[in-house]
N, C-alpha and C. Protein backbone atom coordinates (compact mmCIF):
# COMPACT_ATOMS: atom_id res chain seq x y z
N MET A 1 0.79 -1.16 -0.11
CA MET A 1 0.18 0.05 0.07
C MET A 1 0.83 1.29 -0.08
N GLU A 2 0.73 1.94 -0.94
CA GLU A 2 1.69 3.23 -1.30
C GLU A 2 1.41 4.30 -0.21
N TYR A 3 0.08 4.60 -0.09
CA TYR A 3 -0.63 5.57 0.90
C TYR A 3 -1.41 4.89 2.03
N TYR A 4 -1.52 5.71 2.98
CA TYR A 4 -2.30 5.14 4.20
C TYR A 4 -3.61 6.23 4.00
N PRO A 5 -4.60 5.63 4.10
CA PRO A 5 -5.84 6.05 3.77
C PRO A 5 -6.39 6.55 5.10
N ILE A 6 -6.99 7.74 4.96
CA ILE A 6 -7.17 8.59 6.33
C ILE A 6 -8.21 9.64 6.18
N PHE A 7 -8.88 10.06 7.07
CA PHE A 7 -9.96 11.15 6.86
C PHE A 7 -9.53 12.24 8.04
N LEU A 8 -9.23 13.18 7.76
CA LEU A 8 -8.73 14.60 8.63
C LEU A 8 -9.85 15.30 9.14
N ASP A 9 -9.74 15.62 10.37
CA ASP A 9 -10.36 16.57 11.01
C ASP A 9 -9.77 18.11 10.82
N ILE A 10 -9.99 19.00 10.00
CA ILE A 10 -9.53 20.22 9.87
C ILE A 10 -10.12 21.50 10.26
N LYS A 11 -11.38 20.94 10.95
CA LYS A 11 -12.16 22.09 11.48
C LYS A 11 -11.43 23.20 12.33
N ASP A 12 -11.41 24.46 11.94
CA ASP A 12 -10.73 25.46 12.71
C ASP A 12 -9.18 25.19 12.59
N LYS A 13 -8.60 24.52 11.77
CA LYS A 13 -7.13 24.49 11.48
C LYS A 13 -6.64 25.24 10.44
N PRO A 14 -5.36 25.98 10.64
CA PRO A 14 -4.83 27.10 10.10
C PRO A 14 -4.51 26.26 8.32
N CYS A 15 -4.99 26.79 7.40
CA CYS A 15 -4.57 25.92 6.02
C CYS A 15 -4.06 27.14 5.03
N VAL A 16 -3.28 26.89 4.19
CA VAL A 16 -3.00 27.71 3.21
C VAL A 16 -3.06 27.41 1.97
N VAL A 17 -3.43 28.26 0.93
CA VAL A 17 -3.62 27.62 -0.49
C VAL A 17 -2.43 28.80 -1.30
N ILE A 18 -1.63 28.35 -1.93
CA ILE A 18 -0.64 29.29 -2.74
C ILE A 18 -0.63 29.17 -4.01
N GLY A 19 -1.34 30.35 -4.49
CA GLY A 19 -1.84 30.35 -5.94
C GLY A 19 -3.33 30.95 -5.79
N GLY A 20 -3.55 31.72 -6.91
CA GLY A 20 -5.19 32.26 -7.12
C GLY A 20 -5.85 32.21 -8.08
N GLY A 21 -5.48 31.04 -9.00
CA GLY A 21 -6.18 30.36 -10.08
C GLY A 21 -7.29 29.63 -10.08
N LYS A 22 -8.10 29.03 -10.85
CA LYS A 22 -9.22 28.16 -10.70
C LYS A 22 -8.94 26.92 -9.98
N VAL A 23 -7.82 26.49 -10.03
CA VAL A 23 -7.45 25.10 -9.36
C VAL A 23 -7.37 25.62 -7.77
N ALA A 24 -6.66 26.73 -7.61
CA ALA A 24 -6.54 27.29 -6.03
C ALA A 24 -7.86 27.58 -5.38
N GLU A 25 -8.80 27.90 -6.66
CA GLU A 25 -10.08 28.16 -5.77
C GLU A 25 -10.97 27.05 -5.73
N ARG A 26 -10.83 25.78 -6.24
CA ARG A 26 -11.31 24.73 -5.85
C ARG A 26 -10.88 23.97 -4.66
N LYS A 27 -9.53 24.36 -4.33
CA LYS A 27 -9.22 23.84 -2.98
C LYS A 27 -9.50 24.83 -1.79
N VAL A 28 -9.59 25.98 -2.18
CA VAL A 28 -10.07 26.86 -1.30
C VAL A 28 -11.71 26.33 -0.55
N LEU A 29 -12.32 25.98 -1.63
CA LEU A 29 -13.69 25.96 -1.56
C LEU A 29 -14.05 24.48 -0.81
N SER A 30 -13.08 23.64 -1.14
CA SER A 30 -12.97 22.22 -0.52
C SER A 30 -12.66 22.15 1.11
N LEU A 31 -11.64 23.14 1.30
CA LEU A 31 -11.17 23.52 2.71
C LEU A 31 -12.26 24.27 3.28
N LEU A 32 -13.12 25.24 2.99
CA LEU A 32 -13.98 25.78 3.57
C LEU A 32 -15.04 24.78 3.97
N ASP A 33 -15.25 24.16 3.23
CA ASP A 33 -16.41 22.95 3.17
C ASP A 33 -16.23 22.09 4.59
N ALA A 34 -14.86 21.76 4.53
CA ALA A 34 -14.54 20.94 5.74
C ALA A 34 -14.26 21.88 7.32
N GLY A 35 -14.34 22.99 7.26
CA GLY A 35 -14.48 23.93 8.37
C GLY A 35 -13.05 24.77 8.53
N ALA A 36 -12.15 24.53 7.54
CA ALA A 36 -10.72 25.00 7.89
C ALA A 36 -10.40 26.59 7.99
N LYS A 37 -9.68 27.12 8.61
CA LYS A 37 -9.16 28.65 8.64
C LYS A 37 -8.51 28.85 7.48
N VAL A 38 -8.91 29.65 6.20
CA VAL A 38 -8.28 29.51 5.07
C VAL A 38 -7.64 30.83 4.70
N CYS A 39 -6.27 30.88 4.36
CA CYS A 39 -5.51 32.02 3.73
C CYS A 39 -5.08 31.64 2.35
N VAL A 40 -5.25 32.49 1.53
CA VAL A 40 -4.76 32.37 0.16
C VAL A 40 -3.48 33.62 0.01
N ILE A 41 -2.38 32.63 -0.62
CA ILE A 41 -1.21 33.79 -0.76
C ILE A 41 -0.78 33.78 -2.24
N SER A 42 -1.40 34.88 -3.08
CA SER A 42 -1.06 35.14 -4.25
C SER A 42 -1.17 36.75 -4.55
N PRO A 43 -0.44 37.02 -5.57
CA PRO A 43 -0.74 38.40 -5.86
C PRO A 43 -1.91 38.73 -6.78
N ASP A 44 -2.60 37.70 -7.22
CA ASP A 44 -3.74 37.56 -8.35
C ASP A 44 -4.59 36.53 -7.69
N VAL A 45 -5.76 36.91 -7.60
CA VAL A 45 -6.68 35.81 -7.39
C VAL A 45 -8.22 35.86 -8.19
N THR A 46 -8.67 34.80 -8.61
CA THR A 46 -10.02 34.66 -9.35
C THR A 46 -11.13 35.81 -8.40
N PRO A 47 -12.02 36.09 -9.22
CA PRO A 47 -13.09 36.78 -8.63
C PRO A 47 -13.97 36.04 -7.40
N ALA A 48 -14.14 34.65 -7.57
CA ALA A 48 -14.46 33.86 -6.65
C ALA A 48 -13.82 34.14 -5.30
N ILE A 49 -12.61 33.96 -5.42
CA ILE A 49 -11.60 34.06 -4.15
C ILE A 49 -11.73 35.47 -3.44
N LYS A 50 -11.90 36.26 -4.53
CA LYS A 50 -11.98 37.80 -3.93
C LYS A 50 -13.10 37.87 -3.10
N ARG A 51 -14.41 37.33 -3.64
CA ARG A 51 -15.81 37.31 -2.99
C ARG A 51 -15.56 36.70 -1.68
N LEU A 52 -14.96 35.66 -1.65
CA LEU A 52 -14.88 34.97 -0.20
C LEU A 52 -13.94 35.81 0.81
N ALA A 53 -13.28 36.55 0.29
CA ALA A 53 -12.20 37.37 1.28
C ALA A 53 -13.27 38.67 1.64
N CYS A 54 -14.11 39.22 0.75
CA CYS A 54 -14.89 40.32 1.15
C CYS A 54 -15.95 39.97 1.91
N GLN A 55 -16.21 38.75 1.73
CA GLN A 55 -17.50 38.04 2.85
C GLN A 55 -16.80 37.48 4.19
N LYS A 56 -15.27 37.86 4.14
CA LYS A 56 -14.85 37.56 5.63
C LYS A 56 -14.71 35.67 5.93
N LYS A 57 -14.94 35.38 4.70
CA LYS A 57 -14.89 33.77 4.79
C LYS A 57 -13.36 33.45 4.87
N ILE A 58 -12.34 34.18 4.15
CA ILE A 58 -11.02 33.77 4.06
C ILE A 58 -10.25 35.05 4.12
N LYS A 59 -8.70 34.65 4.09
CA LYS A 59 -7.88 35.85 4.07
C LYS A 59 -7.13 35.97 2.79
N ILE A 60 -6.74 36.78 2.29
CA ILE A 60 -5.68 36.90 1.06
C ILE A 60 -4.61 37.80 1.27
N ILE A 61 -3.22 37.07 1.31
CA ILE A 61 -2.04 37.73 1.41
C ILE A 61 -1.63 38.22 -0.16
N SER A 62 -1.69 39.37 -0.59
CA SER A 62 -1.64 39.82 -2.02
C SER A 62 -0.36 39.96 -2.32
N ARG A 63 0.45 38.73 -2.36
CA ARG A 63 1.97 38.84 -2.88
C ARG A 63 2.21 37.45 -3.14
N ALA A 64 3.61 37.39 -3.65
CA ALA A 64 3.95 35.92 -3.95
C ALA A 64 4.35 35.08 -2.56
N TYR A 65 4.62 33.88 -2.68
CA TYR A 65 4.91 33.30 -1.57
C TYR A 65 6.31 33.67 -0.98
N LYS A 66 6.69 33.73 0.42
CA LYS A 66 8.26 33.70 0.48
C LYS A 66 8.46 32.82 1.85
N GLN A 67 9.65 32.33 1.82
CA GLN A 67 9.97 31.72 3.01
C GLN A 67 9.56 32.23 4.48
N GLY A 68 8.91 31.11 5.18
CA GLY A 68 8.55 31.40 6.38
C GLY A 68 6.78 31.51 6.45
N ASP A 69 6.00 31.71 5.22
CA ASP A 69 4.84 31.73 5.02
C ASP A 69 3.85 30.57 5.62
N VAL A 70 4.50 29.23 5.36
CA VAL A 70 3.99 28.25 5.84
C VAL A 70 4.12 27.71 7.30
N LYS A 71 4.97 28.30 7.90
CA LYS A 71 5.28 27.91 9.51
C LYS A 71 4.24 27.79 10.15
N GLY A 72 3.90 26.53 10.97
CA GLY A 72 2.89 27.01 11.99
C GLY A 72 1.70 26.62 11.64
N LEU A 73 1.43 26.14 10.17
CA LEU A 73 0.27 25.66 9.62
C LEU A 73 0.06 24.31 9.49
N PHE A 74 -1.20 23.91 9.57
CA PHE A 74 -1.63 22.44 9.62
C PHE A 74 -1.54 21.94 8.32
N LEU A 75 -1.87 22.49 7.12
CA LEU A 75 -2.23 21.88 6.01
C LEU A 75 -1.94 23.05 4.75
N VAL A 76 -1.04 22.62 3.80
CA VAL A 76 -0.75 23.71 2.65
C VAL A 76 -1.17 22.93 1.21
N TYR A 77 -1.74 23.84 0.44
CA TYR A 77 -1.73 23.46 -0.89
C TYR A 77 -0.95 24.32 -1.75
N SER A 78 -0.02 23.75 -2.68
CA SER A 78 0.60 24.71 -3.65
C SER A 78 -0.19 24.16 -5.01
N ALA A 79 -0.78 25.62 -5.27
CA ALA A 79 -1.56 25.36 -6.70
C ALA A 79 -1.09 26.64 -7.72
N THR A 80 0.15 26.48 -7.82
CA THR A 80 0.68 27.38 -8.91
C THR A 80 1.68 26.51 -9.54
N ASP A 81 1.67 27.02 -10.85
CA ASP A 81 2.48 26.25 -11.87
C ASP A 81 4.04 26.78 -11.90
N ASN A 82 4.28 27.38 -10.88
CA ASN A 82 5.91 27.77 -10.54
C ASN A 82 6.71 26.77 -9.90
N ARG A 83 7.14 25.98 -10.54
CA ARG A 83 8.03 24.84 -9.86
C ARG A 83 9.01 25.15 -8.83
N THR A 84 9.92 26.29 -9.25
CA THR A 84 10.51 26.57 -8.12
C THR A 84 9.94 27.21 -6.75
N VAL A 85 8.79 27.88 -7.04
CA VAL A 85 8.15 28.20 -5.73
C VAL A 85 7.61 26.93 -5.12
N SER A 86 7.16 26.03 -5.64
CA SER A 86 6.86 24.79 -5.21
C SER A 86 7.52 24.01 -4.50
N LEU A 87 9.01 24.07 -5.02
CA LEU A 87 10.22 23.38 -4.32
C LEU A 87 10.33 24.01 -3.12
N MET A 88 10.53 25.39 -2.81
CA MET A 88 10.44 26.19 -1.65
C MET A 88 9.51 25.62 -0.70
N VAL A 89 8.50 25.78 -1.33
CA VAL A 89 7.54 25.11 -0.21
C VAL A 89 7.34 23.89 0.28
N PHE A 90 7.98 23.05 -0.64
CA PHE A 90 8.14 21.49 -0.20
C PHE A 90 9.11 21.47 0.92
N LYS A 91 10.20 22.18 0.71
CA LYS A 91 11.52 22.00 1.72
C LYS A 91 10.98 22.75 2.92
N GLU A 92 10.15 23.70 2.83
CA GLU A 92 9.91 24.28 4.14
C GLU A 92 9.00 23.50 4.82
N ALA A 93 7.57 22.93 4.09
CA ALA A 93 6.81 21.85 4.81
C ALA A 93 7.31 20.70 5.31
N GLN A 94 8.22 20.11 4.66
CA GLN A 94 9.21 19.10 4.73
C GLN A 94 9.86 19.45 6.20
N LYS A 95 10.56 20.27 6.30
CA LYS A 95 11.38 20.83 7.45
C LYS A 95 10.37 20.95 8.58
N ASN A 96 9.24 21.51 8.39
CA ASN A 96 8.22 21.73 9.66
C ASN A 96 7.12 20.75 10.07
N GLY A 97 7.37 19.45 9.13
CA GLY A 97 6.26 18.62 9.47
C GLY A 97 4.67 18.90 9.10
N ILE A 98 4.69 19.83 8.06
CA ILE A 98 3.34 20.39 7.46
C ILE A 98 3.02 19.30 6.34
N LEU A 99 1.69 19.32 6.35
CA LEU A 99 1.16 18.49 5.40
C LEU A 99 0.97 19.32 4.06
N LEU A 100 1.43 18.67 2.96
CA LEU A 100 1.63 19.59 1.90
C LEU A 100 1.18 18.62 0.59
N ASN A 101 0.20 19.35 -0.32
CA ASN A 101 -0.07 18.71 -1.48
C ASN A 101 0.26 19.92 -2.65
N VAL A 102 1.28 19.37 -3.51
CA VAL A 102 1.69 20.37 -4.76
C VAL A 102 0.79 19.65 -5.88
N VAL A 103 -0.29 20.45 -6.42
CA VAL A 103 -1.01 20.04 -7.51
C VAL A 103 -0.55 19.30 -8.43
N ASP A 104 -0.59 18.29 -8.82
CA ASP A 104 -0.25 17.42 -10.27
C ASP A 104 1.20 17.15 -9.89
N VAL A 105 2.14 17.36 -8.71
CA VAL A 105 3.24 17.19 -8.81
C VAL A 105 3.34 16.05 -7.40
N PRO A 106 2.97 14.61 -7.60
CA PRO A 106 2.96 13.74 -6.47
C PRO A 106 4.26 13.62 -5.89
N GLU A 107 5.54 13.64 -6.51
CA GLU A 107 6.97 13.70 -5.85
C GLU A 107 7.04 14.71 -4.87
N LEU A 108 6.34 15.85 -4.93
CA LEU A 108 6.56 16.71 -4.01
C LEU A 108 5.27 17.11 -2.85
N CYS A 109 4.35 15.84 -2.85
CA CYS A 109 3.56 15.94 -1.73
C CYS A 109 3.69 14.75 -0.95
N ASN A 110 3.22 14.94 0.58
CA ASN A 110 3.17 14.02 1.48
C ASN A 110 1.81 13.64 1.94
N PHE A 111 0.91 14.17 1.03
CA PHE A 111 -0.43 13.58 0.78
C PHE A 111 -1.14 13.92 -0.53
N ILE A 112 -2.05 12.75 -0.86
CA ILE A 112 -2.76 13.21 -2.21
C ILE A 112 -4.27 13.12 -1.88
N VAL A 113 -5.13 13.60 -2.64
CA VAL A 113 -6.47 14.11 -2.35
C VAL A 113 -6.96 13.13 -3.36
N PRO A 114 -8.00 12.36 -2.72
CA PRO A 114 -8.57 11.30 -3.59
C PRO A 114 -9.99 11.74 -4.34
N SER A 115 -10.36 11.20 -5.27
CA SER A 115 -11.70 11.54 -5.87
C SER A 115 -12.82 10.94 -4.88
N VAL A 116 -13.74 11.79 -4.76
CA VAL A 116 -14.85 11.58 -3.63
C VAL A 116 -16.18 11.90 -4.17
N VAL A 117 -16.87 10.77 -3.56
CA VAL A 117 -18.44 10.96 -3.61
C VAL A 117 -18.89 11.12 -2.45
N GLU A 118 -19.53 12.45 -2.40
CA GLU A 118 -20.33 12.78 -1.24
C GLU A 118 -21.80 12.66 -0.97
N ARG A 119 -22.18 12.02 -0.21
CA ARG A 119 -23.84 11.89 0.03
C ARG A 119 -24.04 12.20 1.58
N GLY A 120 -24.11 13.56 1.79
CA GLY A 120 -24.39 13.90 3.34
C GLY A 120 -23.03 13.48 4.12
N ALA A 121 -23.41 12.44 5.08
CA ALA A 121 -22.37 11.97 5.76
C ALA A 121 -21.44 10.96 5.31
N LEU A 122 -22.12 10.58 4.10
CA LEU A 122 -21.23 9.40 3.53
C LEU A 122 -20.23 10.08 2.40
N LEU A 123 -18.90 9.65 2.63
CA LEU A 123 -17.72 9.75 1.99
C LEU A 123 -17.17 8.51 1.60
N ILE A 124 -17.22 8.52 0.14
CA ILE A 124 -16.49 7.42 -0.49
C ILE A 124 -15.31 8.00 -1.38
N ALA A 125 -14.05 7.69 -0.88
CA ALA A 125 -12.86 8.21 -1.66
C ALA A 125 -12.38 7.05 -2.37
N ILE A 126 -11.91 7.57 -3.58
CA ILE A 126 -11.37 6.75 -4.58
C ILE A 126 -10.06 6.92 -4.90
N SER A 127 -8.80 6.11 -4.69
CA SER A 127 -7.44 6.85 -5.04
C SER A 127 -6.90 5.57 -5.89
N THR A 128 -6.14 6.16 -6.85
CA THR A 128 -5.29 5.05 -7.89
C THR A 128 -3.52 5.41 -7.42
N SER A 129 -3.84 6.13 -6.15
CA SER A 129 -2.41 6.31 -5.69
C SER A 129 -1.37 7.12 -6.79
N GLY A 130 -2.02 8.22 -7.37
CA GLY A 130 -1.60 9.11 -8.14
C GLY A 130 -1.24 8.57 -9.67
N LYS A 131 -1.74 7.35 -9.86
CA LYS A 131 -1.28 6.69 -11.10
C LYS A 131 -2.17 7.05 -12.43
N SER A 132 -3.45 7.22 -11.83
CA SER A 132 -4.39 7.53 -12.94
C SER A 132 -5.56 8.25 -12.54
N PRO A 133 -5.36 9.53 -12.52
CA PRO A 133 -6.83 10.30 -11.98
C PRO A 133 -8.01 10.15 -13.04
N ALA A 134 -7.66 9.61 -14.06
CA ALA A 134 -8.67 9.41 -15.09
C ALA A 134 -9.60 8.35 -14.64
N MET A 135 -8.77 7.26 -14.28
CA MET A 135 -9.41 5.95 -13.70
C MET A 135 -10.27 6.25 -12.50
N ALA A 136 -9.70 7.25 -11.55
CA ALA A 136 -10.38 7.36 -10.32
C ALA A 136 -11.67 8.12 -10.46
N LYS A 137 -11.54 9.17 -11.59
CA LYS A 137 -12.83 9.82 -11.66
C LYS A 137 -13.88 8.80 -12.46
N LYS A 138 -13.48 7.85 -13.33
CA LYS A 138 -14.45 6.85 -13.99
C LYS A 138 -15.18 6.19 -12.86
N ILE A 139 -14.30 5.60 -12.05
CA ILE A 139 -14.97 4.89 -10.83
C ILE A 139 -15.95 5.87 -10.16
N ARG A 140 -15.25 7.12 -9.77
CA ARG A 140 -16.54 8.11 -8.86
C ARG A 140 -17.75 8.29 -9.66
N GLU A 141 -17.55 8.38 -11.11
CA GLU A 141 -18.86 8.60 -11.86
C GLU A 141 -19.92 7.18 -11.63
N ARG A 142 -19.07 6.28 -11.76
CA ARG A 142 -19.97 4.91 -11.56
C ARG A 142 -20.59 4.94 -10.19
N LEU A 143 -19.92 5.18 -9.12
CA LEU A 143 -20.12 5.06 -7.77
C LEU A 143 -21.86 6.44 -7.54
N GLU A 144 -21.45 7.41 -8.06
CA GLU A 144 -22.25 8.39 -8.18
C GLU A 144 -23.62 8.05 -8.50
N LYS A 145 -23.72 7.16 -9.43
CA LYS A 145 -25.01 6.62 -10.09
C LYS A 145 -25.24 5.53 -9.10
N GLU A 146 -24.45 4.70 -8.15
CA GLU A 146 -24.99 3.81 -7.50
C GLU A 146 -25.43 4.23 -6.02
N PHE A 147 -24.74 5.31 -5.56
CA PHE A 147 -25.18 5.71 -4.39
C PHE A 147 -25.48 7.07 -4.55
N GLY A 148 -27.29 6.91 -4.43
CA GLY A 148 -28.05 8.56 -4.50
C GLY A 148 -28.02 9.10 -3.16
N THR A 149 -28.77 10.34 -3.38
CA THR A 149 -28.84 11.16 -1.99
C THR A 149 -29.75 10.65 -0.90
N GLU A 150 -30.41 9.36 -1.32
CA GLU A 150 -31.09 8.73 -0.24
C GLU A 150 -30.09 8.00 1.03
N TYR A 151 -28.89 8.13 0.42
CA TYR A 151 -27.77 7.27 1.61
C TYR A 151 -27.50 8.60 2.68
N GLY A 152 -27.56 9.74 2.04
CA GLY A 152 -27.38 11.00 2.97
C GLY A 152 -28.53 11.14 4.00
N VAL A 153 -29.67 10.96 3.65
CA VAL A 153 -30.74 11.09 4.50
C VAL A 153 -30.86 9.70 5.49
N PHE A 154 -30.42 8.50 4.83
CA PHE A 154 -30.13 7.50 5.72
C PHE A 154 -29.53 7.70 6.95
N LEU A 155 -28.20 8.04 6.52
CA LEU A 155 -27.06 8.36 7.85
C LEU A 155 -27.56 9.38 8.44
N ASP A 156 -28.51 10.29 8.17
CA ASP A 156 -28.77 11.42 8.84
C ASP A 156 -29.87 10.96 10.06
N ILE A 157 -30.65 10.04 9.40
CA ILE A 157 -31.72 9.32 10.49
C ILE A 157 -30.98 8.56 11.42
N MET A 158 -29.76 7.46 10.94
CA MET A 158 -29.17 6.76 11.84
C MET A 158 -28.33 7.38 12.87
N GLY A 159 -27.88 8.69 12.50
CA GLY A 159 -27.15 9.66 13.56
C GLY A 159 -28.02 10.03 14.61
N LYS A 160 -29.19 10.55 14.20
CA LYS A 160 -30.21 10.84 15.22
C LYS A 160 -30.49 9.67 16.40
N ILE A 161 -30.79 8.61 15.39
CA ILE A 161 -31.18 7.30 16.34
C ILE A 161 -30.05 7.11 17.20
N ARG A 162 -29.07 6.81 16.82
CA ARG A 162 -27.79 6.48 17.51
C ARG A 162 -27.53 7.18 18.67
N GLU A 163 -27.75 8.64 18.47
CA GLU A 163 -27.43 9.53 19.52
C GLU A 163 -28.44 9.59 20.78
N LYS A 164 -29.66 8.90 20.25
CA LYS A 164 -30.81 8.94 21.31
C LYS A 164 -30.87 7.47 21.85
N VAL A 165 -30.46 6.77 21.19
CA VAL A 165 -30.31 5.28 21.68
C VAL A 165 -29.24 5.22 22.74
N LEU A 166 -28.13 5.54 22.37
CA LEU A 166 -26.91 5.25 23.24
C LEU A 166 -26.77 6.26 24.28
N THR A 167 -27.53 7.52 24.48
CA THR A 167 -27.60 8.22 25.61
C THR A 167 -28.02 7.43 26.76
N GLY A 168 -27.24 7.12 27.84
CA GLY A 168 -27.60 6.62 28.92
C GLY A 168 -27.84 5.14 28.86
N SER A 169 -27.61 4.46 27.64
CA SER A 169 -27.94 3.07 27.42
C SER A 169 -26.93 2.19 27.93
N LYS A 170 -27.11 1.14 28.66
CA LYS A 170 -26.09 0.18 28.95
C LYS A 170 -26.08 -1.32 28.20
N GLU A 171 -26.93 -1.29 27.32
CA GLU A 171 -27.09 -2.60 26.62
C GLU A 171 -26.70 -2.48 25.33
N PRO A 172 -25.14 -2.86 25.18
CA PRO A 172 -24.34 -2.41 23.64
C PRO A 172 -24.86 -3.60 22.62
N ASP A 173 -24.97 -4.82 23.28
CA ASP A 173 -25.44 -6.16 22.28
C ASP A 173 -26.80 -5.69 21.87
N LYS A 174 -27.80 -5.28 22.59
CA LYS A 174 -29.12 -4.91 22.19
C LYS A 174 -29.08 -3.72 21.14
N ASN A 175 -28.24 -2.93 21.35
CA ASN A 175 -28.12 -1.57 20.46
C ASN A 175 -27.66 -2.00 19.24
N LYS A 176 -26.67 -2.87 19.38
CA LYS A 176 -25.92 -3.50 18.03
C LYS A 176 -27.13 -4.19 17.13
N LYS A 177 -27.73 -4.95 17.94
CA LYS A 177 -28.63 -5.40 16.95
C LYS A 177 -29.88 -4.75 16.19
N ILE A 178 -30.31 -3.68 16.99
CA ILE A 178 -30.95 -2.68 16.44
C ILE A 178 -30.49 -1.84 15.41
N PHE A 179 -29.27 -1.61 15.38
CA PHE A 179 -28.75 -0.83 14.26
C PHE A 179 -28.54 -1.78 13.13
N GLU A 180 -28.14 -2.95 13.37
CA GLU A 180 -28.02 -3.99 11.98
C GLU A 180 -29.52 -4.25 11.53
N GLU A 181 -30.42 -4.37 12.38
CA GLU A 181 -31.99 -4.48 11.83
C GLU A 181 -32.21 -3.36 10.96
N LEU A 182 -31.88 -2.08 11.49
CA LEU A 182 -31.98 -0.96 10.47
C LEU A 182 -31.30 -0.73 9.32
N VAL A 183 -30.05 -1.29 9.27
CA VAL A 183 -29.25 -1.16 8.02
C VAL A 183 -29.85 -2.17 7.15
N ASN A 184 -30.30 -3.39 7.52
CA ASN A 184 -30.79 -4.62 6.78
C ASN A 184 -32.39 -4.34 6.45
N SER A 185 -32.81 -3.32 6.80
CA SER A 185 -34.49 -3.23 6.72
C SER A 185 -34.60 -2.58 5.63
N ALA A 186 -36.06 -2.42 4.97
CA ALA A 186 -36.37 -1.61 3.89
C ALA A 186 -36.17 -0.05 4.01
N LEU A 187 -35.47 0.49 5.11
CA LEU A 187 -35.54 1.75 5.38
C LEU A 187 -34.89 2.54 4.23
N LEU A 188 -33.89 2.00 3.52
CA LEU A 188 -33.17 2.95 2.65
C LEU A 188 -34.24 2.84 1.22
N ASP A 189 -34.76 2.04 1.09
CA ASP A 189 -35.64 2.03 -0.13
C ASP A 189 -37.07 2.79 -0.07
N LEU A 190 -37.23 2.94 1.25
CA LEU A 190 -38.41 3.94 1.76
C LEU A 190 -38.08 5.36 1.50
N ILE A 191 -36.77 5.44 2.01
CA ILE A 191 -36.34 6.84 1.63
C ILE A 191 -36.03 7.05 0.27
N ARG A 192 -35.67 6.28 -0.50
CA ARG A 192 -35.61 6.57 -1.97
C ARG A 192 -37.02 6.84 -2.56
N GLN A 193 -37.99 6.16 -1.84
CA GLN A 193 -39.36 6.44 -2.19
C GLN A 193 -40.04 7.65 -1.96
N LYS A 194 -39.44 8.01 -1.06
CA LYS A 194 -40.10 9.19 -0.25
C LYS A 194 -41.46 8.94 0.74
N ASN A 195 -41.31 7.73 1.15
CA ASN A 195 -42.78 7.14 1.97
C ASN A 195 -42.55 7.41 3.33
N LYS A 196 -43.10 8.76 3.71
CA LYS A 196 -42.79 9.07 5.05
C LYS A 196 -43.74 8.16 6.02
N LYS A 197 -44.92 8.03 5.59
CA LYS A 197 -45.82 6.93 6.25
C LYS A 197 -45.09 5.98 6.82
N GLU A 198 -44.50 4.85 5.70
CA GLU A 198 -44.03 3.70 5.83
C GLU A 198 -42.78 3.65 6.60
N ILE A 199 -42.02 4.97 6.59
CA ILE A 199 -40.63 4.88 7.19
C ILE A 199 -41.12 5.28 8.65
N ASP A 200 -42.07 5.99 9.02
CA ASP A 200 -42.31 6.43 10.45
C ASP A 200 -42.86 5.20 11.30
N SER A 201 -43.45 4.15 10.44
CA SER A 201 -44.24 2.81 10.80
C SER A 201 -43.17 1.97 11.10
N LEU A 202 -41.98 1.98 9.94
CA LEU A 202 -40.78 1.04 10.43
C LEU A 202 -40.14 1.43 11.97
N LEU A 203 -39.79 2.55 12.06
CA LEU A 203 -39.19 3.24 12.84
C LEU A 203 -39.92 3.05 14.39
N LYS A 204 -41.26 3.36 14.32
CA LYS A 204 -41.91 3.04 15.30
C LYS A 204 -41.87 1.45 15.87
N ARG A 205 -41.95 0.43 14.81
CA ARG A 205 -42.08 -0.75 15.26
C ARG A 205 -40.68 -1.35 15.68
N LEU A 206 -39.56 -0.70 15.26
CA LEU A 206 -38.29 -1.22 15.84
C LEU A 206 -37.82 -0.58 16.72
N LEU A 207 -38.26 1.05 17.22
CA LEU A 207 -37.52 1.80 17.99
C LEU A 207 -38.54 2.23 19.36
N GLY A 208 -39.95 2.21 18.73
CA GLY A 208 -40.82 2.89 19.81
C GLY A 208 -41.41 4.24 18.93
N SER A 209 -42.62 4.62 19.49
CA SER A 209 -43.28 5.83 19.17
C SER A 209 -42.58 6.83 19.24
N SER A 210 -41.43 7.30 19.91
CA SER A 210 -40.68 8.57 19.78
C SER A 210 -39.97 8.83 18.75
N PHE A 211 -40.00 7.99 17.96
CA PHE A 211 -38.98 7.66 16.78
C PHE A 211 -39.82 8.08 15.29
N THR A 212 -39.86 9.24 14.96
CA THR A 212 -40.54 9.39 13.67
C THR A 212 -39.55 10.62 13.09
N LEU A 213 -39.92 10.79 11.81
CA LEU A 213 -39.07 11.65 11.05
C LEU A 213 -39.06 13.12 11.67
N SER A 214 -40.49 13.48 11.87
CA SER A 214 -40.85 14.74 12.51
C SER A 214 -40.12 15.19 13.76
N LYS A 215 -40.10 14.12 14.51
CA LYS A 215 -39.60 14.07 15.92
C LYS A 215 -38.17 13.89 16.23
N MET A 216 -37.61 13.62 15.00
CA MET A 216 -36.03 13.53 15.01
C MET A 216 -35.61 14.68 14.04
N LYS A 217 -36.52 15.53 13.50
CA LYS A 217 -36.32 16.65 12.41
C LYS A 217 -35.46 16.15 11.40
N VAL A 218 -35.95 15.38 10.72
CA VAL A 218 -35.24 14.86 9.52
C VAL A 218 -36.07 14.98 8.35
N LYS A 219 -35.66 15.77 7.20
CA LYS A 219 -36.20 16.02 6.16
C LYS A 219 -35.79 14.93 4.96
N LEU A 220 -36.77 14.50 4.24
CA LEU A 220 -36.60 13.58 3.09
C LEU A 220 -36.20 14.28 1.81
């Protein structure tokens, strides 16, 4: 295994994107989606990046990268086509133990970004270890057809149930059985059909009358 698969919690972590083009813009948006504190270092940025700064969602340092910019950071993207800059960033990140991805230059990365299918809380990551992004994309598109938005709703329901059932519960074996019954039930199909009445009926039968979509504040 060339890379260790892992999901990172970067909420409120300081992250930097070096570069201000379209690729940098995508990296900024993905970091914001995960709750990171984002700063962009670039003399020029896209209108979308500029808007994010105006909305106080990110910070912009309007100049080229210089040594010392990434010290103390959690994660860095180098999204510039200037290899000299990327090499400088790589050396600094390596020296300071910082997570770094230099876009499209795997040999200068200590992590790579998988192709992702996202359905609410469901994240399916696909990686070819940098060998073929095109194949990763093809697999992702296939999975996107197989896993619809109903999986996100299903996990929303399961999360609410889990929180409620596990609060104060001292019967782990019983709880495990309940969760397995739910996963193997018709719940997913009913969500796909948007059959609220049957969903509520199933939940009440397995869990009790206090478990309905409206009481758990879950929308189909």
